[in-house]
Amino acid sequence: MSSDPKTEELIEVKPQNSSSEQDISEGQFDVQYTHLSSFRWGSPFVQMLWCSAIVGCTAGLYCATNGLGAGGGKPGYAQVANIDTAIGDVLWLFSSLFAGTLINKLGPNVCMVLGSLAYPMYISGFWFYDKLGIGYYSYLVSGVAAGILFGFLWTTQNYLVTCYATENHKGFFVACNWGVINLGAALGSVIAIGVSKDKTERSAGVPWYLYLIFIIINLGGAVMAIFLKHPKNVVRNDGSKIAVFQNRTLKENLVALKQSLMERRIQLMILPLFSAETILAPAANLNGFMFNVRSRTLNNFSFWAVQIPGAFALYFLLDQKGKSRKMRGYMGLGLTYFFVNCFFIGFYIMYGAWGKAKFDPASPESELPDLDWSMKTYAGPYAWYVCGGIAFGLFLDMRLWIIGAFSNDPQKLSLYSGVIPACQAGGIALAFGLNATSLSFTSIMAIWYVFY
């Protein structure tokens, strides 16, 4: 397909009056452009990639910070970090539900700017606590303020990925989206490795200026969000627009949200969505507990980097031609649950081999693992942690692909896109809340294995 604008051909088309979902997905339009390049600013693919880059600069670094364990601080900071994240995720649950209705009112760029501002707030709370050791600022900023805004970013990105993809490219859009987000998390982890490579003490945290670097990148992502186009102005390569957008009042959007929540297929997805991100909490907790700081940063990089090829491997399964959607879904779920089982069963194999004392925070310092990447005993736990990263990424990719298959109506998908992070936020809030309790690692892992 030619990308030269001079080769664009205009074809007049009469407006369509059908109200079917298929017509909505193709949109009504007066002029159709053929031979448009995929690499235009107004193309769905470029807008999805730009949105993914914004999420990589913001939520990607949030993931990198959480994956370090204890918010990147000393192991003793773990409880404060877990409480911060739990508070933020509870509020994220409610903000996601309202963000889904506000996308149609404010537009994706405004919602994405609001959501992006949550992440410098979140990271600044850890920086403040690391320097002064005062928890209330961290709870208010990393927890409450950031949590109110989290939902706007994730709802918007879910909306753009599910809405902008055509039926036969949903898997490809999901893979590209998650690949770019994970690239942001992986690059953040590389920065953490660079500034922490000489820190071999178990009790050490990352340097203060890592938080500053992350905050600057977060703010850059918020600026990028200003330039997202409104879906009304996004045009597919064949000239069709994303949809005909009807102006709805806030009350009408809330009624539509209630109707979406009453759909049986959405209700059946609540438990899988609730569990979708929960692997991150016990994995991050164990990363902070078992490894010294430089090994934590390497584990964290690998956890996110391995999800990039994982996303594209899943894409090849989900967008295969010649197989029914149901069969492709089963194949994707089979691959996902293979790695889920590797993560949970692998933990209990380690626990059986090392004994209870190694996983008891009350044990003497000399009894605790304190693994470094230079040790021969590092390889097995490292491979286990990487399996957790693959499982985490595949599960999130699958949930977005399944929700995207429910409808091609962008306004309905905007509401679904609010339900997705709301359910996920509930799960991750409980997961980090459990981390902050006195429950043993074995109990916490058993709880989440049952959920999966």
Protein backbone atom coordinates (compact mmCIF):
# COMPACT_ATOMS: atom_id res chain seq x y z
CA MET A 1 0.00 0.00 0.00
CA SER A 2 1.55 3.27 -1.09
CA SER A 3 2.42 5.83 1.53
CA ASP A 4 2.80 8.71 -0.97
CA PRO A 5 0.03 11.27 -0.36
CA LYS A 6 0.08 12.12 -4.07
CA THR A 7 -1.30 8.65 -4.82
CA GLU A 8 -4.35 9.14 -2.61
CA GLU A 9 -7.57 8.56 -4.52
CA LEU A 10 -10.90 10.14 -3.60
CA ILE A 11 -14.11 8.18 -3.90
CA GLU A 12 -17.45 9.73 -2.99
CA VAL A 13 -19.63 7.52 -0.85
CA LYS A 14 -23.20 8.16 0.27
CA PRO A 15 -23.85 8.26 4.01
CA GLN A 16 -25.04 5.02 5.55
CA ASN A 17 -28.19 4.91 7.67
CA SER A 18 -27.85 1.44 9.20
CA SER A 19 -27.63 1.34 12.97
CA SER A 20 -26.10 -2.13 13.23
CA GLU A 21 -22.92 -2.63 15.24
CA GLN A 22 -21.05 -3.54 12.04
CA ASP A 23 -21.98 -0.19 10.52
CA ILE A 24 -20.98 1.58 13.72
CA SER A 25 -17.58 -0.09 13.68
CA GLU A 26 -16.98 1.02 10.09
CA GLY A 27 -18.44 4.47 10.66
CA GLN A 28 -20.43 6.79 8.41
CA PHE A 29 -18.41 8.92 6.08
CA ASP A 30 -18.82 11.06 2.99
CA VAL A 31 -15.40 10.63 1.37
CA GLN A 32 -13.23 7.55 1.27
CA TYR A 33 -9.46 7.77 0.82
CA THR A 34 -7.67 4.78 -0.60
CA HIS A 35 -3.94 4.13 -0.51
CA LEU A 36 -3.48 5.93 2.79
CA SER A 37 -0.33 5.02 4.70
CA SER A 38 -0.53 3.28 8.07
CA PHE A 39 2.14 5.68 9.29
CA ARG A 40 0.06 8.85 9.30
CA TRP A 41 -0.46 10.85 12.48
CA GLY A 42 -4.20 10.32 12.15
CA SER A 43 -4.05 6.55 11.56
CA PRO A 44 -5.37 4.17 14.25
CA PHE A 45 -2.05 2.29 14.34
CA VAL A 46 0.08 5.39 14.97
CA GLN A 47 -2.35 6.73 17.56
CA MET A 48 -2.28 3.37 19.37
CA LEU A 49 1.54 3.35 19.35
CA TRP A 50 1.64 6.94 20.66
CA CYS A 51 -0.78 6.02 23.43
CA SER A 52 1.35 2.97 24.27
CA ALA A 53 4.48 5.13 24.45
CA ILE A 54 2.72 7.46 26.90
CA VAL A 55 1.75 4.50 29.08
CA GLY A 56 5.33 3.19 28.84
CA CYS A 57 6.68 6.51 30.13
CA THR A 58 4.23 6.60 33.03
CA ALA A 59 2.67 3.28 34.04
CA GLY A 60 5.70 1.45 32.64
CA LEU A 61 7.91 3.14 35.23
CA TYR A 62 5.25 2.50 37.89
CA CYS A 63 5.61 -1.20 37.04
CA ALA A 64 9.41 -0.92 37.13
CA THR A 65 9.23 0.75 40.57
CA ASN A 66 6.86 -1.85 42.00
CA GLY A 67 8.86 -4.71 40.52
CA LEU A 68 11.94 -3.62 42.47
CA GLY A 69 10.18 -4.57 45.70
CA ALA A 70 9.59 -2.13 48.58
CA GLY A 71 9.06 0.64 46.00
CA GLY A 72 12.79 0.53 45.25
CA GLY A 73 13.62 1.33 48.86
CA LYS A 74 15.21 -0.72 51.61
CA PRO A 75 13.52 -4.08 52.36
CA GLY A 76 12.18 -2.58 55.60
CA TYR A 77 10.12 -0.11 53.52
CA ALA A 78 8.04 -2.93 52.03
CA GLN A 79 5.03 -2.43 54.32
CA VAL A 80 4.72 1.29 53.51
CA ALA A 81 5.07 0.56 49.78
CA ASN A 82 2.41 -2.14 49.96
CA ILE A 83 -0.03 0.11 51.85
CA ASP A 84 0.54 2.97 49.38
CA THR A 85 -0.16 0.71 46.43
CA ALA A 86 -3.21 -0.87 48.07
CA ILE A 87 -4.76 2.57 48.82
CA GLY A 88 -4.05 3.76 45.29
CA ASP A 89 -5.55 0.67 43.70
CA VAL A 90 -8.76 0.85 45.75
CA LEU A 91 -9.32 4.39 44.46
CA TRP A 92 -8.22 3.29 40.98
CA LEU A 93 -11.17 0.88 41.01
CA PHE A 94 -13.71 3.70 41.37
CA SER A 95 -11.95 6.19 39.10
CA SER A 96 -11.86 3.60 36.30
CA LEU A 97 -15.63 3.22 36.30
CA PHE A 98 -16.17 6.97 35.94
CA ALA A 99 -13.30 7.42 33.48
CA GLY A 100 -15.04 5.10 31.03
CA THR A 101 -18.00 7.48 30.85
CA LEU A 102 -15.81 10.61 30.70
CA ILE A 103 -13.79 9.49 27.65
CA ASN A 104 -16.81 10.18 25.44
CA LYS A 105 -17.28 13.58 27.11
CA LEU A 106 -13.71 14.91 27.46
CA GLY A 107 -11.85 12.96 24.79
CA PRO A 108 -8.89 10.56 25.16
CA ASN A 109 -6.20 13.26 25.28
CA VAL A 110 -7.67 15.06 28.32
CA CYS A 111 -8.26 11.77 30.16
CA MET A 112 -4.74 10.58 29.30
CA VAL A 113 -3.15 13.81 30.58
CA LEU A 114 -5.04 13.46 33.87
CA GLY A 115 -4.03 9.82 34.19
CA SER A 116 -0.39 10.53 33.35
CA LEU A 117 -0.08 12.99 36.23
CA ALA A 118 -0.79 10.18 38.71
CA TYR A 119 2.59 8.56 38.17
CA PRO A 120 5.01 11.36 39.16
CA MET A 121 2.82 11.71 42.28
CA TYR A 122 3.11 7.98 42.99
CA ILE A 123 6.90 7.86 42.64
CA SER A 124 7.46 11.11 44.55
CA GLY A 125 5.82 9.53 47.61
CA PHE A 126 8.49 6.81 47.73
CA TRP A 127 11.25 9.38 47.23
CA PHE A 128 9.89 11.48 50.10
CA TYR A 129 9.63 8.46 52.39
CA ASP A 130 13.13 7.28 51.47
CA LYS A 131 14.61 10.66 52.40
CA LEU A 132 12.54 11.59 55.49
CA GLY A 133 10.90 8.36 56.65
CA ILE A 134 7.49 10.07 57.12
CA GLY A 135 4.62 7.87 55.92
CA TYR A 136 1.68 10.29 55.79
CA TYR A 137 2.89 12.16 52.68
CA SER A 138 3.45 8.87 50.93
CA TYR A 139 -0.05 7.63 51.83
CA LEU A 140 -1.70 10.87 50.69
CA VAL A 141 0.23 11.36 47.44
CA SER A 142 1.30 7.87 46.31
CA GLY A 143 -1.93 6.40 47.62
CA VAL A 144 -4.89 8.78 47.57
CA ALA A 145 -4.03 11.45 44.96
CA ALA A 146 -2.42 9.07 42.47
CA GLY A 147 -5.15 6.47 42.92
CA ILE A 148 -7.88 8.94 41.95
CA LEU A 149 -6.13 9.53 38.61
CA PHE A 150 -4.83 6.02 37.79
CA GLY A 151 -8.11 4.96 36.21
CA PHE A 152 -8.07 7.70 33.59
CA LEU A 153 -4.85 6.46 31.99
CA TRP A 154 -5.63 2.74 31.95
CA THR A 155 -9.22 3.20 30.80
CA THR A 156 -8.07 5.38 27.91
CA GLN A 157 -5.37 2.99 26.75
CA ASN A 158 -7.71 -0.01 26.93
CA TYR A 159 -10.26 1.96 24.93
CA LEU A 160 -7.84 2.96 22.17
CA VAL A 161 -6.44 -0.55 21.73
CA THR A 162 -9.82 -2.31 21.60
CA CYS A 163 -11.60 0.41 19.62
CA TYR A 164 -9.01 1.24 16.96
CA ALA A 165 -8.18 -2.34 15.92
CA THR A 166 -10.17 -3.98 13.14
CA GLU A 167 -11.53 -7.49 13.74
CA ASN A 168 -8.58 -9.31 12.12
CA HIS A 169 -5.90 -7.17 13.80
CA LYS A 170 -6.99 -7.17 17.45
CA GLY A 171 -4.21 -9.56 18.50
CA PHE A 172 -1.60 -7.50 16.65
CA PHE A 173 -2.73 -4.25 18.29
CA VAL A 174 -2.71 -5.88 21.74
CA ALA A 175 0.81 -7.26 21.13
CA CYS A 176 2.17 -3.89 19.93
CA ASN A 177 0.51 -2.05 22.80
CA TRP A 178 1.79 -4.33 25.52
CA GLY A 179 5.20 -4.60 23.85
CA VAL A 180 5.71 -0.81 23.92
CA ILE A 181 4.47 -0.54 27.52
CA ASN A 182 6.85 -3.30 28.61
CA LEU A 183 9.66 -1.60 26.72
CA GLY A 184 9.09 1.42 28.97
CA ALA A 185 9.19 -0.77 32.08
CA ALA A 186 12.29 -2.59 30.80
CA LEU A 187 14.13 0.66 30.01
CA GLY A 188 13.26 1.96 33.46
CA SER A 189 14.72 -1.23 34.89
CA VAL A 190 17.90 -0.78 32.80
CA ILE A 191 18.32 2.69 34.33
CA ALA A 192 17.88 1.11 37.77
CA ILE A 193 20.55 -1.51 36.95
CA GLY A 194 22.95 1.21 35.82
CA VAL A 195 22.67 3.21 39.04
CA SER A 196 22.61 0.19 41.38
CA LYS A 197 25.10 -2.24 39.82
CA ASP A 198 27.63 -1.82 42.65
CA LYS A 199 25.13 -2.18 45.51
CA THR A 200 25.51 -5.71 46.88
CA GLU A 201 24.07 -5.18 50.37
CA ARG A 202 20.67 -6.74 51.00
CA SER A 203 19.61 -3.78 53.15
CA ALA A 204 20.31 -1.13 50.48
CA GLY A 205 17.76 0.69 48.33
CA VAL A 206 18.10 2.40 44.95
CA PRO A 207 19.75 5.87 44.85
CA TRP A 208 17.47 8.89 45.33
CA TYR A 209 18.19 10.26 41.86
CA LEU A 210 16.57 7.20 40.23
CA TYR A 211 13.24 8.52 41.54
CA LEU A 212 14.03 11.95 40.03
CA ILE A 213 14.85 10.43 36.63
CA PHE A 214 11.58 8.48 36.66
CA ILE A 215 9.54 11.57 37.60
CA ILE A 216 11.03 13.60 34.72
CA ILE A 217 10.14 10.82 32.25
CA ASN A 218 6.62 10.63 33.75
CA LEU A 219 6.09 14.34 33.15
CA GLY A 220 7.32 13.92 29.58
CA GLY A 221 4.61 11.29 29.08
CA ALA A 222 1.96 13.74 30.34
CA VAL A 223 3.11 16.30 27.75
CA MET A 224 2.95 13.65 25.01
CA ALA A 225 -0.68 12.92 25.93
CA ILE A 226 -1.73 16.44 24.86
CA PHE A 227 -1.14 15.49 21.22
CA LEU A 228 -3.46 12.47 21.04
CA LYS A 229 -6.16 12.96 18.41
CA HIS A 230 -9.86 12.67 19.15
CA PRO A 231 -11.36 9.45 17.71
CA LYS A 232 -13.61 11.58 15.46
CA ASN A 233 -10.45 12.66 13.62
CA VAL A 234 -8.84 9.22 13.31
CA VAL A 235 -9.23 7.72 9.82
CA ARG A 236 -8.52 4.13 8.75
CA ASN A 237 -6.39 3.40 5.68
CA ASP A 238 -9.50 2.85 3.54
CA GLY A 239 -10.88 6.25 4.54
CA SER A 240 -13.53 5.05 6.95
CA LYS A 241 -13.73 6.73 10.32
CA ILE A 242 -13.65 4.90 13.64
CA ALA A 243 -17.31 5.55 14.38
CA VAL A 244 -20.18 7.94 14.39
CA PHE A 245 -20.02 9.42 17.89
CA GLN A 246 -23.30 10.36 19.50
CA ASN A 247 -23.23 13.06 22.15
CA ARG A 248 -24.37 11.57 25.45
CA THR A 249 -25.03 13.24 28.76
CA LEU A 250 -23.18 12.04 31.85
CA LYS A 251 -26.44 10.50 33.08
CA GLU A 252 -26.85 8.56 29.82
CA ASN A 253 -23.27 7.31 30.09
CA LEU A 254 -23.85 6.14 33.67
CA VAL A 255 -27.02 4.29 32.62
CA ALA A 256 -25.06 2.65 29.79
CA LEU A 257 -22.33 1.67 32.27
CA LYS A 258 -24.93 0.03 34.52
CA GLN A 259 -26.30 -1.89 31.53
CA SER A 260 -22.79 -3.05 30.64
CA LEU A 261 -22.24 -4.36 34.16
CA MET A 262 -25.48 -6.33 33.91
CA GLU A 263 -24.28 -8.22 30.81
CA ARG A 264 -23.61 -11.86 31.61
CA ARG A 265 -20.38 -12.01 29.60
CA ILE A 266 -18.97 -9.05 31.57
CA GLN A 267 -20.03 -10.64 34.86
CA LEU A 268 -18.24 -13.86 33.87
CA MET A 269 -15.07 -11.83 33.23
CA ILE A 270 -15.03 -10.18 36.67
CA LEU A 271 -13.02 -12.93 38.44
CA PRO A 272 -10.40 -13.31 35.64
CA LEU A 273 -10.02 -9.52 35.50
CA PHE A 274 -9.79 -9.35 39.30
CA SER A 275 -6.89 -11.84 39.21
CA ALA A 276 -5.18 -10.43 36.12
CA GLU A 277 -2.41 -8.35 37.75
CA THR A 278 -2.13 -10.06 41.13
CA ILE A 279 1.04 -12.01 40.25
CA LEU A 280 2.94 -8.72 40.42
CA ALA A 281 2.35 -8.27 44.18
CA PRO A 282 3.81 -11.56 45.53
CA ALA A 283 6.52 -11.53 42.83
CA ALA A 284 7.65 -8.01 43.80
CA ASN A 285 7.48 -8.89 47.49
CA LEU A 286 9.66 -11.96 47.03
CA ASN A 287 12.04 -10.03 44.79
CA GLY A 288 12.60 -7.50 47.59
CA PHE A 289 12.96 -10.26 50.17
CA MET A 290 15.17 -12.82 48.40
CA PHE A 291 17.66 -10.72 46.43
CA ASN A 292 20.09 -7.86 47.02
CA VAL A 293 19.35 -4.56 45.31
CA ARG A 294 21.40 -5.00 42.13
CA SER A 295 19.94 -8.46 41.55
CA ARG A 296 16.46 -7.05 42.17
CA THR A 297 17.03 -4.57 39.34
CA LEU A 298 18.20 -7.32 36.95
CA ASN A 299 15.21 -9.50 37.85
CA ASN A 300 12.91 -6.54 37.33
CA PHE A 301 14.36 -5.83 33.88
CA SER A 302 13.95 -9.45 32.85
CA PHE A 303 10.39 -9.62 34.25
CA TRP A 304 9.27 -6.84 31.90
CA ALA A 305 11.57 -7.41 28.91
CA VAL A 306 10.52 -11.04 28.45
CA GLN A 307 6.89 -9.94 28.04
CA ILE A 308 7.70 -8.25 24.72
CA PRO A 309 8.44 -11.45 22.75
CA GLY A 310 5.76 -13.17 24.83
CA ALA A 311 3.14 -10.71 23.58
CA PHE A 312 4.06 -11.31 19.93
CA ALA A 313 4.13 -15.09 20.41
CA LEU A 314 0.58 -14.85 21.74
CA TYR A 315 -0.39 -12.58 18.83
CA PHE A 316 0.59 -15.29 16.33
CA LEU A 317 -1.77 -17.66 18.12
CA LEU A 318 -4.67 -15.22 18.48
CA ASP A 319 -4.65 -13.84 14.92
CA GLN A 320 -4.09 -17.13 13.11
CA LYS A 321 -6.14 -17.55 9.96
CA GLY A 322 -8.06 -20.74 9.35
CA LYS A 323 -8.94 -21.34 13.01
CA SER A 324 -12.11 -20.28 14.81
CA ARG A 325 -11.98 -17.50 17.38
CA LYS A 326 -12.91 -20.03 20.07
CA MET A 327 -10.01 -22.34 19.15
CA ARG A 328 -7.55 -19.43 19.07
CA GLY A 329 -8.78 -18.35 22.50
CA TYR A 330 -8.23 -21.85 23.92
CA MET A 331 -4.72 -21.96 22.47
CA GLY A 332 -3.89 -18.59 24.04
CA LEU A 333 -5.27 -19.65 27.41
CA GLY A 334 -3.31 -22.91 27.26
CA LEU A 335 -0.02 -21.06 26.74
CA THR A 336 -0.89 -18.56 29.49
CA TYR A 337 -1.73 -21.17 32.12
CA PHE A 338 1.42 -23.17 31.37
CA PHE A 339 3.51 -20.25 32.65
CA VAL A 340 1.06 -19.46 35.49
CA ASN A 341 1.62 -23.00 36.77
CA CYS A 342 5.39 -22.69 36.31
CA PHE A 343 5.38 -19.60 38.53
CA PHE A 344 3.30 -20.96 41.41
CA ILE A 345 4.60 -24.54 41.40
CA GLY A 346 8.15 -23.24 41.00
CA PHE A 347 7.80 -21.25 44.22
CA TYR A 348 6.74 -24.31 46.22
CA ILE A 349 9.64 -26.31 44.75
CA MET A 350 12.03 -23.59 46.01
CA TYR A 351 10.30 -23.55 49.37
CA GLY A 352 10.60 -27.33 49.70
CA ALA A 353 14.26 -27.28 48.72
CA TRP A 354 15.34 -24.37 50.95
CA GLY A 355 13.13 -24.86 54.01
CA LYS A 356 10.82 -22.59 56.00
CA ALA A 357 13.59 -20.55 57.66
CA LYS A 358 14.71 -19.06 54.33
CA PHE A 359 11.23 -17.55 53.78
CA ASP A 360 10.56 -16.35 57.32
CA PRO A 361 11.21 -12.58 57.74
CA ALA A 362 11.73 -13.22 61.47
CA SER A 363 14.74 -15.45 60.82
CA PRO A 364 18.24 -14.11 61.59
CA GLU A 365 19.82 -12.09 58.78
CA SER A 366 22.32 -14.88 58.15
CA GLU A 367 19.46 -17.33 57.43
CA LEU A 368 17.79 -15.19 54.74
CA PRO A 369 18.50 -15.85 51.03
CA ASP A 370 20.34 -12.57 50.08
CA LEU A 371 20.92 -13.80 46.51
CA ASP A 372 23.34 -12.01 44.18
CA TRP A 373 23.65 -12.52 40.43
CA SER A 374 27.25 -13.76 40.92
CA MET A 375 26.10 -16.82 42.94
CA LYS A 376 25.56 -20.27 41.46
CA THR A 377 22.27 -20.54 43.36
CA TYR A 378 20.92 -17.48 41.55
CA ALA A 379 19.97 -19.19 38.24
CA GLY A 380 16.98 -21.18 39.49
CA PRO A 381 15.20 -18.33 41.33
CA TYR A 382 15.97 -16.05 38.39
CA ALA A 383 14.31 -18.47 35.93
CA TRP A 384 11.32 -18.73 38.29
CA TYR A 385 10.97 -14.94 38.39
CA VAL A 386 11.11 -14.72 34.58
CA CYS A 387 8.27 -17.28 34.35
CA GLY A 388 6.24 -14.94 36.55
CA GLY A 389 6.86 -12.10 34.10
CA ILE A 390 5.75 -14.19 31.12
CA ALA A 391 2.60 -15.34 32.96
CA PHE A 392 1.79 -11.76 34.00
CA GLY A 393 2.10 -10.41 30.45
CA LEU A 394 0.21 -13.22 28.73
CA PHE A 395 -2.71 -13.00 31.16
CA LEU A 396 -3.06 -9.24 30.58
CA ASP A 397 -2.85 -9.69 26.80
CA MET A 398 -5.55 -12.38 26.87
CA ARG A 399 -7.98 -10.29 28.91
CA LEU A 400 -7.72 -7.36 26.48
CA TRP A 401 -8.15 -9.61 23.44
CA ILE A 402 -11.26 -11.24 24.94
CA ILE A 403 -12.89 -7.91 25.89
CA GLY A 404 -12.07 -6.49 22.45
CA ALA A 405 -13.91 -9.43 20.87
CA PHE A 406 -17.14 -8.53 22.72
CA SER A 407 -18.01 -5.54 20.54
CA ASN A 408 -16.90 -3.21 17.73
CA ASP A 409 -18.92 -0.26 19.04
CA PRO A 410 -16.39 2.32 20.38
CA GLN A 411 -18.85 3.88 22.83
CA LYS A 412 -19.64 0.49 24.30
CA LEU A 413 -15.92 -0.37 24.36
CA SER A 414 -15.22 2.84 26.27
CA LEU A 415 -17.50 1.54 29.03
CA TYR A 416 -15.96 -1.94 28.91
CA SER A 417 -12.56 -0.26 29.10
CA GLY A 418 -13.55 1.26 32.43
CA VAL A 419 -14.71 -2.09 33.80
CA ILE A 420 -11.37 -3.77 32.94
CA PRO A 421 -9.06 -1.63 35.12
CA ALA A 422 -11.71 -1.35 37.83
CA CYS A 423 -11.74 -5.12 38.33
CA GLN A 424 -7.96 -5.32 38.02
CA ALA A 425 -7.54 -2.54 40.56
CA GLY A 426 -9.68 -4.44 43.05
CA GLY A 427 -7.47 -7.51 42.68
CA ILE A 428 -4.15 -5.71 42.88
CA ALA A 429 -5.36 -3.65 45.88
CA LEU A 430 -6.15 -6.87 47.73
CA ALA A 431 -2.84 -8.40 46.61
CA PHE A 432 -0.70 -5.55 47.96
CA GLY A 433 -2.96 -5.36 51.02
CA LEU A 434 -2.16 -9.03 51.76
CA ASN A 435 1.55 -8.24 51.29
CA ALA A 436 1.24 -5.68 54.09
CA THR A 437 -0.15 -8.27 56.54
CA SER A 438 1.73 -10.90 58.56
CA LEU A 439 0.60 -13.74 56.27
CA SER A 440 3.42 -16.04 55.18
CA PHE A 441 4.66 -16.14 51.60
CA THR A 442 3.30 -19.68 51.24
CA SER A 443 -0.20 -18.59 52.30
CA ILE A 444 -0.25 -15.60 49.97
CA MET A 445 0.93 -17.66 47.00
CA ALA A 446 -1.70 -20.32 47.77
CA ILE A 447 -4.48 -17.70 47.83
CA TRP A 448 -3.56 -16.35 44.41
CA TYR A 449 -2.98 -19.77 42.90
CA VAL A 450 -6.59 -20.63 43.79
CA PHE A 451 -7.79 -17.42 42.17
CA TYR A 452 -5.94 -18.19 38.97
